[in-house]
């Protein structure tokens, strides 16, 4: 499977440019809102009336687990993954499991889930990730994510942005 060209998304025109989150939330982004970099995907107010051509934003939580890995190696691997994956928000980890949260742009839930299920395997070699299996996946659309945050559920983890131990 071919990987995405840095800075572009499928169906993207040259006038639009993907902006990296750079491993975390920039100061000033309100909790529960996508970081400014994610909002820049639709710089001209296109975000609310997204078309199938450009896709929608989906909040993804990917849980992986396996044999215990040295913490320093795991942290370095997750940091490389954060650098490789432009929509990366945060990762939490322990020696034998990790949780990765990020935004994905996809046409529908099926596409977002398929991309998420490939993420760990496709970056295993380039980021030197441990040979763990995916043990959980949650994919929700932007509206559902915002509704959960507004209702007090699904608050961002304590260390939003970057790679942190549990």
N, C-alpha and C. Protein backbone atom coordinates (compact mmCIF):
# COMPACT_ATOMS: atom_id res chain seq x y z
N UNK A 1 0.85 -1.18 0.00
CA UNK A 1 0.00 0.00 0.00
C UNK A 1 0.89 1.23 0.00
N UNK A 2 0.66 2.13 -0.89
CA UNK A 2 1.45 3.36 -0.96
C UNK A 2 1.07 4.29 0.19
N UNK A 3 2.07 4.94 0.75
CA UNK A 3 1.77 5.88 1.82
C UNK A 3 1.46 7.25 1.24
N UNK A 4 0.86 8.08 2.06
CA UNK A 4 0.48 9.42 1.62
C UNK A 4 1.70 10.28 1.40
N UNK A 5 1.62 11.15 0.42
CA UNK A 5 2.65 12.15 0.23
C UNK A 5 2.59 13.13 1.38
N UNK A 6 3.72 13.50 1.98
CA UNK A 6 3.68 14.47 3.08
C UNK A 6 3.01 15.76 2.64
N UNK A 7 2.07 16.22 3.46
CA UNK A 7 1.44 17.50 3.19
C UNK A 7 0.21 17.45 2.31
N UNK A 8 -0.20 16.26 1.86
CA UNK A 8 -1.38 16.19 1.03
C UNK A 8 -2.29 15.07 1.50
N UNK A 9 -3.53 15.15 1.08
CA UNK A 9 -4.52 14.12 1.36
C UNK A 9 -5.12 13.66 0.05
N UNK A 10 -5.70 12.44 0.03
CA UNK A 10 -6.34 11.99 -1.20
C UNK A 10 -7.40 13.00 -1.65
N UNK A 11 -7.41 13.33 -2.93
CA UNK A 11 -8.39 14.26 -3.46
C UNK A 11 -8.07 15.71 -3.17
N UNK A 12 -6.95 15.97 -2.56
CA UNK A 12 -6.60 17.34 -2.18
C UNK A 12 -6.06 18.11 -3.38
N UNK A 13 -6.40 19.38 -3.45
CA UNK A 13 -5.87 20.22 -4.51
C UNK A 13 -4.60 20.89 -4.04
N UNK A 14 -3.83 21.44 -4.96
CA UNK A 14 -2.58 22.08 -4.58
C UNK A 14 -2.81 23.33 -3.75
N UNK A 15 -4.03 23.90 -3.77
CA UNK A 15 -4.32 25.10 -2.99
C UNK A 15 -4.45 24.79 -1.51
N UNK A 16 -4.69 23.54 -1.17
CA UNK A 16 -4.84 23.15 0.23
C UNK A 16 -3.60 22.44 0.68
N UNK A 17 -3.17 22.70 1.89
CA UNK A 17 -1.98 22.07 2.42
C UNK A 17 -2.25 21.55 3.83
N UNK A 18 -1.86 20.32 4.07
CA UNK A 18 -1.98 19.72 5.38
C UNK A 18 -0.93 20.33 6.29
N UNK A 19 -1.33 20.73 7.47
CA UNK A 19 -0.41 21.29 8.44
C UNK A 19 -0.23 20.31 9.58
N UNK A 20 0.98 19.99 9.94
CA UNK A 20 1.25 19.02 10.98
C UNK A 20 0.94 19.57 12.36
N UNK A 21 0.55 18.68 13.24
CA UNK A 21 0.29 19.04 14.62
C UNK A 21 1.60 19.11 15.39
N UNK A 22 2.67 18.60 14.85
CA UNK A 22 4.00 18.64 15.46
C UNK A 22 4.01 18.02 16.84
N UNK A 23 3.33 16.89 16.99
CA UNK A 23 3.40 16.14 18.23
C UNK A 23 2.59 16.71 19.37
N UNK A 24 1.74 17.68 19.14
CA UNK A 24 0.94 18.16 20.25
C UNK A 24 0.15 19.39 19.93
N UNK A 25 -0.61 19.80 20.90
CA UNK A 25 -1.52 20.92 20.78
C UNK A 25 -0.75 22.21 21.00
N UNK A 26 -0.92 23.14 20.10
CA UNK A 26 -0.32 24.47 20.28
C UNK A 26 -1.09 25.20 21.36
N UNK A 27 -0.43 26.09 22.07
CA UNK A 27 -1.11 26.83 23.13
C UNK A 27 -2.29 27.59 22.57
N UNK A 28 -3.36 27.62 23.32
CA UNK A 28 -4.51 28.39 22.90
C UNK A 28 -5.61 27.58 22.24
N UNK A 29 -5.37 26.33 21.90
CA UNK A 29 -6.44 25.51 21.34
C UNK A 29 -7.33 25.06 22.48
N UNK A 30 -8.63 25.35 22.42
CA UNK A 30 -9.52 24.97 23.52
C UNK A 30 -9.66 23.45 23.63
N UNK A 31 -9.77 22.91 24.85
CA UNK A 31 -9.97 21.47 25.01
C UNK A 31 -11.23 21.04 24.28
N UNK A 32 -11.17 19.87 23.66
CA UNK A 32 -12.33 19.33 22.95
C UNK A 32 -12.44 19.82 21.53
N UNK A 33 -11.62 20.78 21.13
CA UNK A 33 -11.62 21.27 19.76
C UNK A 33 -10.42 20.67 19.04
N UNK A 34 -10.55 20.38 17.75
CA UNK A 34 -9.38 19.92 17.02
C UNK A 34 -8.33 21.03 17.05
N UNK A 35 -7.06 20.68 17.11
CA UNK A 35 -6.03 21.69 17.10
C UNK A 35 -6.11 22.56 15.85
N UNK A 36 -5.53 23.75 15.92
CA UNK A 36 -5.55 24.69 14.80
C UNK A 36 -5.08 24.02 13.52
N UNK A 37 -4.07 23.15 13.63
CA UNK A 37 -3.54 22.49 12.44
C UNK A 37 -4.61 21.65 11.76
N UNK A 38 -5.46 21.00 12.54
CA UNK A 38 -6.53 20.20 11.94
C UNK A 38 -7.57 21.12 11.32
N UNK A 39 -7.91 22.21 12.01
CA UNK A 39 -8.89 23.14 11.46
C UNK A 39 -8.40 23.75 10.16
N UNK A 40 -7.08 23.83 9.95
CA UNK A 40 -6.55 24.41 8.73
C UNK A 40 -6.76 23.53 7.51
N UNK A 41 -7.21 22.29 7.71
CA UNK A 41 -7.54 21.45 6.57
C UNK A 41 -8.66 22.08 5.74
N UNK A 42 -9.50 22.85 6.39
CA UNK A 42 -10.61 23.53 5.73
C UNK A 42 -10.46 25.03 5.98
N UNK A 43 -9.46 25.67 5.37
CA UNK A 43 -9.14 27.05 5.71
C UNK A 43 -10.20 28.06 5.31
N UNK A 44 -11.09 27.72 4.42
CA UNK A 44 -12.07 28.69 3.94
C UNK A 44 -13.46 28.38 4.44
N UNK A 45 -13.56 27.80 5.64
CA UNK A 45 -14.87 27.52 6.22
C UNK A 45 -15.56 26.33 5.59
N UNK A 46 -14.79 25.43 4.97
CA UNK A 46 -15.39 24.27 4.33
C UNK A 46 -15.75 23.18 5.33
N UNK A 47 -15.27 23.26 6.54
CA UNK A 47 -15.35 22.18 7.52
C UNK A 47 -16.73 21.68 7.82
N UNK A 48 -17.72 22.53 7.93
CA UNK A 48 -19.04 22.08 8.33
C UNK A 48 -19.79 21.39 7.20
N UNK A 49 -19.61 21.82 5.97
CA UNK A 49 -20.31 21.20 4.86
C UNK A 49 -19.36 20.33 4.06
N UNK A 50 -18.64 19.45 4.74
CA UNK A 50 -17.64 18.65 4.06
C UNK A 50 -18.28 17.80 2.98
N UNK A 51 -17.60 17.67 1.88
CA UNK A 51 -18.11 16.85 0.79
C UNK A 51 -17.47 15.48 0.87
N UNK A 52 -18.11 14.53 0.22
CA UNK A 52 -17.55 13.19 0.20
C UNK A 52 -16.21 13.18 -0.50
N UNK A 53 -16.00 14.12 -1.44
CA UNK A 53 -14.74 14.17 -2.16
C UNK A 53 -13.57 14.43 -1.21
N UNK A 54 -13.74 15.34 -0.27
CA UNK A 54 -12.67 15.69 0.64
C UNK A 54 -12.72 14.89 1.93
N UNK A 55 -13.83 14.28 2.24
CA UNK A 55 -13.95 13.50 3.45
C UNK A 55 -14.31 14.33 4.67
N UNK A 56 -14.45 13.63 5.78
CA UNK A 56 -14.78 14.25 7.05
C UNK A 56 -13.68 13.92 8.04
N UNK A 57 -13.67 14.64 9.14
CA UNK A 57 -12.70 14.34 10.19
C UNK A 57 -13.32 13.35 11.18
N UNK A 58 -12.53 12.36 11.56
CA UNK A 58 -12.94 11.32 12.49
C UNK A 58 -11.92 11.28 13.62
N UNK A 59 -12.41 11.20 14.86
CA UNK A 59 -11.50 11.06 16.00
C UNK A 59 -11.27 9.57 16.22
N UNK A 60 -10.00 9.16 16.26
CA UNK A 60 -9.64 7.75 16.36
C UNK A 60 -8.86 7.51 17.64
N UNK A 61 -9.23 6.43 18.33
CA UNK A 61 -8.45 5.94 19.46
C UNK A 61 -8.08 4.50 19.13
N UNK A 62 -6.78 4.26 18.97
CA UNK A 62 -6.27 2.95 18.62
C UNK A 62 -5.52 2.39 19.82
N UNK A 63 -5.93 1.20 20.29
CA UNK A 63 -5.27 0.55 21.43
C UNK A 63 -4.51 -0.66 20.93
N UNK A 64 -3.26 -0.77 21.35
CA UNK A 64 -2.40 -1.89 20.96
C UNK A 64 -1.79 -2.51 22.21
N UNK A 65 -1.46 -3.79 22.14
CA UNK A 65 -0.86 -4.47 23.29
C UNK A 65 -0.05 -5.66 22.80
N UNK A 66 0.87 -6.10 23.67
CA UNK A 66 1.70 -7.24 23.35
C UNK A 66 2.75 -7.47 24.42
N UNK A 67 3.79 -8.20 24.05
CA UNK A 67 4.86 -8.53 24.96
C UNK A 67 5.55 -7.24 25.45
N UNK A 68 5.95 -7.22 26.70
CA UNK A 68 6.60 -6.04 27.29
C UNK A 68 7.81 -5.61 26.46
N UNK A 69 7.92 -4.30 26.29
CA UNK A 69 8.99 -3.68 25.51
C UNK A 69 9.69 -2.67 26.41
N UNK A 70 11.00 -2.54 26.30
CA UNK A 70 11.67 -1.51 27.10
C UNK A 70 11.04 -0.14 26.86
N UNK A 71 10.74 0.56 27.95
CA UNK A 71 10.02 1.83 27.89
C UNK A 71 10.72 2.85 26.99
N UNK A 72 12.04 2.98 27.09
CA UNK A 72 12.77 3.97 26.29
C UNK A 72 12.61 3.68 24.79
N UNK A 73 12.68 2.40 24.41
CA UNK A 73 12.51 2.03 23.00
C UNK A 73 11.09 2.31 22.53
N UNK A 74 10.12 2.00 23.38
CA UNK A 74 8.72 2.21 23.04
C UNK A 74 8.43 3.70 22.85
N UNK A 75 8.91 4.50 23.79
CA UNK A 75 8.70 5.95 23.68
C UNK A 75 9.30 6.50 22.39
N UNK A 76 10.51 6.09 22.07
CA UNK A 76 11.16 6.54 20.82
C UNK A 76 10.36 6.12 19.59
N UNK A 77 9.86 4.89 19.61
CA UNK A 77 9.06 4.40 18.48
C UNK A 77 7.77 5.21 18.33
N UNK A 78 7.10 5.49 19.45
CA UNK A 78 5.86 6.28 19.39
C UNK A 78 6.15 7.71 18.94
N UNK A 79 7.26 8.27 19.35
CA UNK A 79 7.63 9.61 18.89
C UNK A 79 7.89 9.62 17.38
N UNK A 80 8.52 8.55 16.86
CA UNK A 80 8.72 8.46 15.41
C UNK A 80 7.38 8.35 14.69
N UNK A 81 6.45 7.56 15.27
CA UNK A 81 5.11 7.45 14.69
C UNK A 81 4.43 8.81 14.67
N UNK A 82 4.56 9.57 15.75
CA UNK A 82 3.97 10.91 15.81
C UNK A 82 4.54 11.79 14.71
N UNK A 83 5.81 11.65 14.44
CA UNK A 83 6.44 12.45 13.39
C UNK A 83 5.96 12.01 12.01
N UNK A 84 5.75 10.70 11.83
CA UNK A 84 5.32 10.15 10.53
C UNK A 84 3.86 10.44 10.22
N UNK A 85 3.02 10.50 11.25
CA UNK A 85 1.57 10.62 11.05
C UNK A 85 1.13 12.05 11.35
N UNK A 86 0.74 12.76 10.32
CA UNK A 86 0.46 14.20 10.42
C UNK A 86 -0.67 14.56 11.38
N UNK A 87 -1.65 13.68 11.56
CA UNK A 87 -2.80 14.01 12.41
C UNK A 87 -2.63 13.58 13.86
N UNK A 88 -1.47 13.09 14.21
CA UNK A 88 -1.21 12.56 15.54
C UNK A 88 -1.52 13.59 16.62
N UNK A 89 -2.27 13.20 17.64
CA UNK A 89 -2.56 14.07 18.77
C UNK A 89 -1.74 13.68 19.99
N UNK A 90 -1.95 12.45 20.45
CA UNK A 90 -1.27 12.03 21.67
C UNK A 90 -1.18 10.52 21.75
N UNK A 91 -0.21 10.06 22.53
CA UNK A 91 -0.09 8.63 22.80
C UNK A 91 0.22 8.46 24.28
N UNK A 92 -0.39 7.44 24.86
CA UNK A 92 -0.08 7.05 26.24
C UNK A 92 0.42 5.61 26.16
N UNK A 93 1.35 5.27 27.02
CA UNK A 93 1.95 3.95 26.91
C UNK A 93 2.40 3.39 28.25
N UNK A 94 2.49 2.08 28.29
CA UNK A 94 3.11 1.32 29.37
C UNK A 94 3.95 0.26 28.66
N UNK A 95 4.68 -0.54 29.41
CA UNK A 95 5.60 -1.51 28.80
C UNK A 95 4.91 -2.51 27.87
N UNK A 96 3.63 -2.82 28.14
CA UNK A 96 2.97 -3.85 27.34
C UNK A 96 1.71 -3.38 26.60
N UNK A 97 1.41 -2.08 26.61
CA UNK A 97 0.26 -1.58 25.85
C UNK A 97 0.39 -0.08 25.61
N UNK A 98 -0.37 0.40 24.63
CA UNK A 98 -0.36 1.83 24.31
C UNK A 98 -1.71 2.22 23.72
N UNK A 99 -1.99 3.52 23.79
CA UNK A 99 -3.21 4.08 23.22
C UNK A 99 -2.80 5.31 22.40
N UNK A 100 -3.24 5.36 21.17
CA UNK A 100 -2.91 6.45 20.26
C UNK A 100 -4.19 7.17 19.88
N UNK A 101 -4.19 8.48 20.01
CA UNK A 101 -5.36 9.30 19.66
C UNK A 101 -4.95 10.25 18.54
N UNK A 102 -5.80 10.35 17.54
CA UNK A 102 -5.50 11.26 16.43
C UNK A 102 -6.76 11.52 15.62
N UNK A 103 -6.68 12.49 14.73
CA UNK A 103 -7.75 12.80 13.79
C UNK A 103 -7.40 12.20 12.45
N UNK A 104 -8.39 11.62 11.80
CA UNK A 104 -8.22 11.04 10.46
C UNK A 104 -9.22 11.68 9.52
N UNK A 105 -8.81 11.98 8.31
CA UNK A 105 -9.73 12.48 7.32
C UNK A 105 -10.06 11.33 6.37
N UNK A 106 -11.36 11.02 6.27
CA UNK A 106 -11.80 9.91 5.43
C UNK A 106 -13.22 10.18 4.96
N UNK A 107 -13.60 9.50 3.90
CA UNK A 107 -14.92 9.67 3.30
C UNK A 107 -16.03 9.23 4.24
N UNK A 108 -15.83 8.09 4.92
CA UNK A 108 -16.86 7.57 5.81
C UNK A 108 -16.22 6.75 6.93
N UNK A 109 -17.06 6.24 7.82
CA UNK A 109 -16.57 5.46 8.96
C UNK A 109 -15.76 4.25 8.53
N UNK A 110 -16.23 3.56 7.51
CA UNK A 110 -15.53 2.36 7.06
C UNK A 110 -14.11 2.69 6.61
N UNK A 111 -13.95 3.77 5.86
CA UNK A 111 -12.62 4.17 5.41
C UNK A 111 -11.74 4.59 6.58
N UNK A 112 -12.30 5.36 7.51
CA UNK A 112 -11.52 5.81 8.67
C UNK A 112 -11.06 4.61 9.50
N UNK A 113 -11.96 3.64 9.71
CA UNK A 113 -11.59 2.45 10.48
C UNK A 113 -10.54 1.62 9.75
N UNK A 114 -10.68 1.49 8.44
CA UNK A 114 -9.71 0.71 7.66
C UNK A 114 -8.32 1.35 7.73
N UNK A 115 -8.27 2.66 7.62
CA UNK A 115 -6.99 3.37 7.71
C UNK A 115 -6.39 3.17 9.10
N UNK A 116 -7.22 3.29 10.13
CA UNK A 116 -6.75 3.13 11.51
C UNK A 116 -6.21 1.72 11.74
N UNK A 117 -6.89 0.72 11.21
CA UNK A 117 -6.46 -0.66 11.41
C UNK A 117 -5.15 -0.97 10.69
N UNK A 118 -4.81 -0.19 9.67
CA UNK A 118 -3.54 -0.37 8.97
C UNK A 118 -2.40 0.43 9.58
N UNK A 119 -2.72 1.43 10.38
CA UNK A 119 -1.71 2.37 10.87
C UNK A 119 -0.53 1.68 11.55
N UNK A 120 -0.79 0.82 12.51
CA UNK A 120 0.29 0.19 13.28
C UNK A 120 1.17 -0.66 12.36
N UNK A 121 0.56 -1.48 11.53
CA UNK A 121 1.33 -2.35 10.64
C UNK A 121 2.14 -1.59 9.61
N UNK A 122 1.56 -0.55 9.05
CA UNK A 122 2.26 0.21 8.01
C UNK A 122 3.44 1.00 8.56
N UNK A 123 3.40 1.36 9.83
CA UNK A 123 4.49 2.14 10.41
C UNK A 123 5.41 1.29 11.29
N UNK A 124 5.14 -0.02 11.36
CA UNK A 124 5.93 -0.88 12.24
C UNK A 124 7.42 -0.81 11.92
N UNK A 125 7.78 -0.89 10.66
CA UNK A 125 9.20 -0.87 10.27
C UNK A 125 9.78 0.55 10.34
N UNK A 126 9.08 1.53 9.77
CA UNK A 126 9.64 2.89 9.71
C UNK A 126 9.78 3.53 11.08
N UNK A 127 8.87 3.22 12.01
CA UNK A 127 8.94 3.81 13.35
C UNK A 127 9.55 2.84 14.36
N UNK A 128 9.88 1.61 13.91
CA UNK A 128 10.45 0.58 14.79
C UNK A 128 9.49 0.26 15.95
N UNK A 129 8.21 0.11 15.62
CA UNK A 129 7.19 -0.20 16.62
C UNK A 129 7.28 -1.66 17.03
N UNK A 130 6.91 -1.99 18.26
CA UNK A 130 6.95 -3.40 18.68
C UNK A 130 5.90 -4.22 17.92
N UNK A 131 6.10 -5.53 17.86
CA UNK A 131 5.17 -6.39 17.10
C UNK A 131 3.89 -6.69 17.89
N UNK A 132 3.20 -5.65 18.27
CA UNK A 132 1.97 -5.79 19.05
C UNK A 132 0.77 -5.91 18.13
N UNK A 133 -0.34 -6.37 18.73
CA UNK A 133 -1.57 -6.46 17.97
C UNK A 133 -2.53 -5.35 18.40
N UNK A 134 -3.43 -5.01 17.50
CA UNK A 134 -4.46 -4.02 17.81
C UNK A 134 -5.51 -4.73 18.66
N UNK A 135 -5.80 -4.15 19.83
CA UNK A 135 -6.76 -4.76 20.74
C UNK A 135 -8.01 -3.91 20.93
N UNK A 136 -8.01 -2.72 20.36
CA UNK A 136 -9.19 -1.87 20.47
C UNK A 136 -9.15 -0.75 19.45
N UNK A 137 -10.34 -0.35 19.02
CA UNK A 137 -10.45 0.73 18.05
C UNK A 137 -11.76 1.46 18.29
N UNK A 138 -11.67 2.79 18.40
CA UNK A 138 -12.87 3.61 18.48
C UNK A 138 -12.73 4.70 17.42
N UNK A 139 -13.75 4.85 16.61
CA UNK A 139 -13.78 5.88 15.58
C UNK A 139 -15.12 6.60 15.70
N UNK A 140 -15.07 7.91 15.95
CA UNK A 140 -16.30 8.70 16.03
C UNK A 140 -16.15 9.96 15.20
N UNK A 141 -17.26 10.41 14.65
CA UNK A 141 -17.20 11.63 13.84
C UNK A 141 -17.02 12.86 14.74
N UNK A 142 -16.71 13.97 14.12
CA UNK A 142 -16.44 15.20 14.86
C UNK A 142 -17.60 15.63 15.74
N UNK A 143 -18.81 15.53 15.20
CA UNK A 143 -20.00 15.94 15.95
C UNK A 143 -20.15 15.10 17.22
N UNK A 144 -19.99 13.80 17.11
CA UNK A 144 -20.10 12.92 18.27
C UNK A 144 -19.01 13.23 19.28
N UNK A 145 -17.80 13.45 18.81
CA UNK A 145 -16.69 13.78 19.70
C UNK A 145 -17.00 15.05 20.49
N UNK A 146 -17.44 16.09 19.78
CA UNK A 146 -17.75 17.36 20.45
C UNK A 146 -18.92 17.21 21.43
N UNK A 147 -19.90 16.40 21.05
CA UNK A 147 -21.04 16.16 21.93
C UNK A 147 -20.59 15.46 23.21
N UNK A 148 -19.73 14.47 23.10
CA UNK A 148 -19.21 13.76 24.28
C UNK A 148 -18.46 14.71 25.19
N UNK A 149 -17.60 15.54 24.62
CA UNK A 149 -16.83 16.48 25.42
C UNK A 149 -17.76 17.47 26.11
N UNK A 150 -18.77 17.96 25.39
CA UNK A 150 -19.72 18.92 25.96
C UNK A 150 -20.52 18.29 27.11
N UNK A 151 -20.79 17.00 27.02
CA UNK A 151 -21.55 16.31 28.06
C UNK A 151 -20.66 15.81 29.21
N UNK A 152 -19.36 16.09 29.12
CA UNK A 152 -18.45 15.67 30.19
C UNK A 152 -17.86 14.30 30.01
N UNK A 153 -18.12 13.66 28.87
CA UNK A 153 -17.54 12.36 28.58
C UNK A 153 -16.45 12.54 27.54
N UNK A 154 -15.50 11.64 27.53
CA UNK A 154 -14.48 11.68 26.50
C UNK A 154 -13.56 12.88 26.61
N UNK A 155 -13.36 13.39 27.85
CA UNK A 155 -12.44 14.50 28.01
C UNK A 155 -11.07 14.12 27.47
N UNK A 156 -10.33 15.10 27.00
CA UNK A 156 -8.98 14.80 26.53
C UNK A 156 -8.15 14.21 27.68
N UNK A 157 -7.18 13.36 27.33
CA UNK A 157 -6.34 12.79 28.38
C UNK A 157 -5.56 13.89 29.09
N UNK A 158 -5.04 13.61 30.30
CA UNK A 158 -4.38 14.64 31.08
C UNK A 158 -3.23 15.34 30.36
N UNK A 159 -2.52 14.62 29.51
CA UNK A 159 -1.40 15.20 28.78
C UNK A 159 -1.73 15.20 27.30
N UNK A 160 -2.54 16.13 26.85
CA UNK A 160 -2.91 16.16 25.45
C UNK A 160 -1.73 16.68 24.64
N UNK A 161 -1.34 15.93 23.68
CA UNK A 161 -0.23 16.30 22.82
C UNK A 161 1.03 15.57 23.24
N UNK A 162 1.69 14.96 22.29
CA UNK A 162 2.95 14.29 22.59
C UNK A 162 2.76 12.85 23.02
N UNK A 163 3.84 12.29 23.57
CA UNK A 163 3.89 10.89 23.97
C UNK A 163 4.18 10.86 25.46
N UNK A 164 3.30 10.22 26.24
CA UNK A 164 3.40 10.22 27.69
C UNK A 164 3.13 8.84 28.27
N UNK A 165 3.76 8.50 29.39
CA UNK A 165 3.42 7.24 30.06
C UNK A 165 2.04 7.34 30.71
N UNK A 166 1.42 6.20 30.96
CA UNK A 166 0.14 6.20 31.66
C UNK A 166 0.32 6.75 33.06
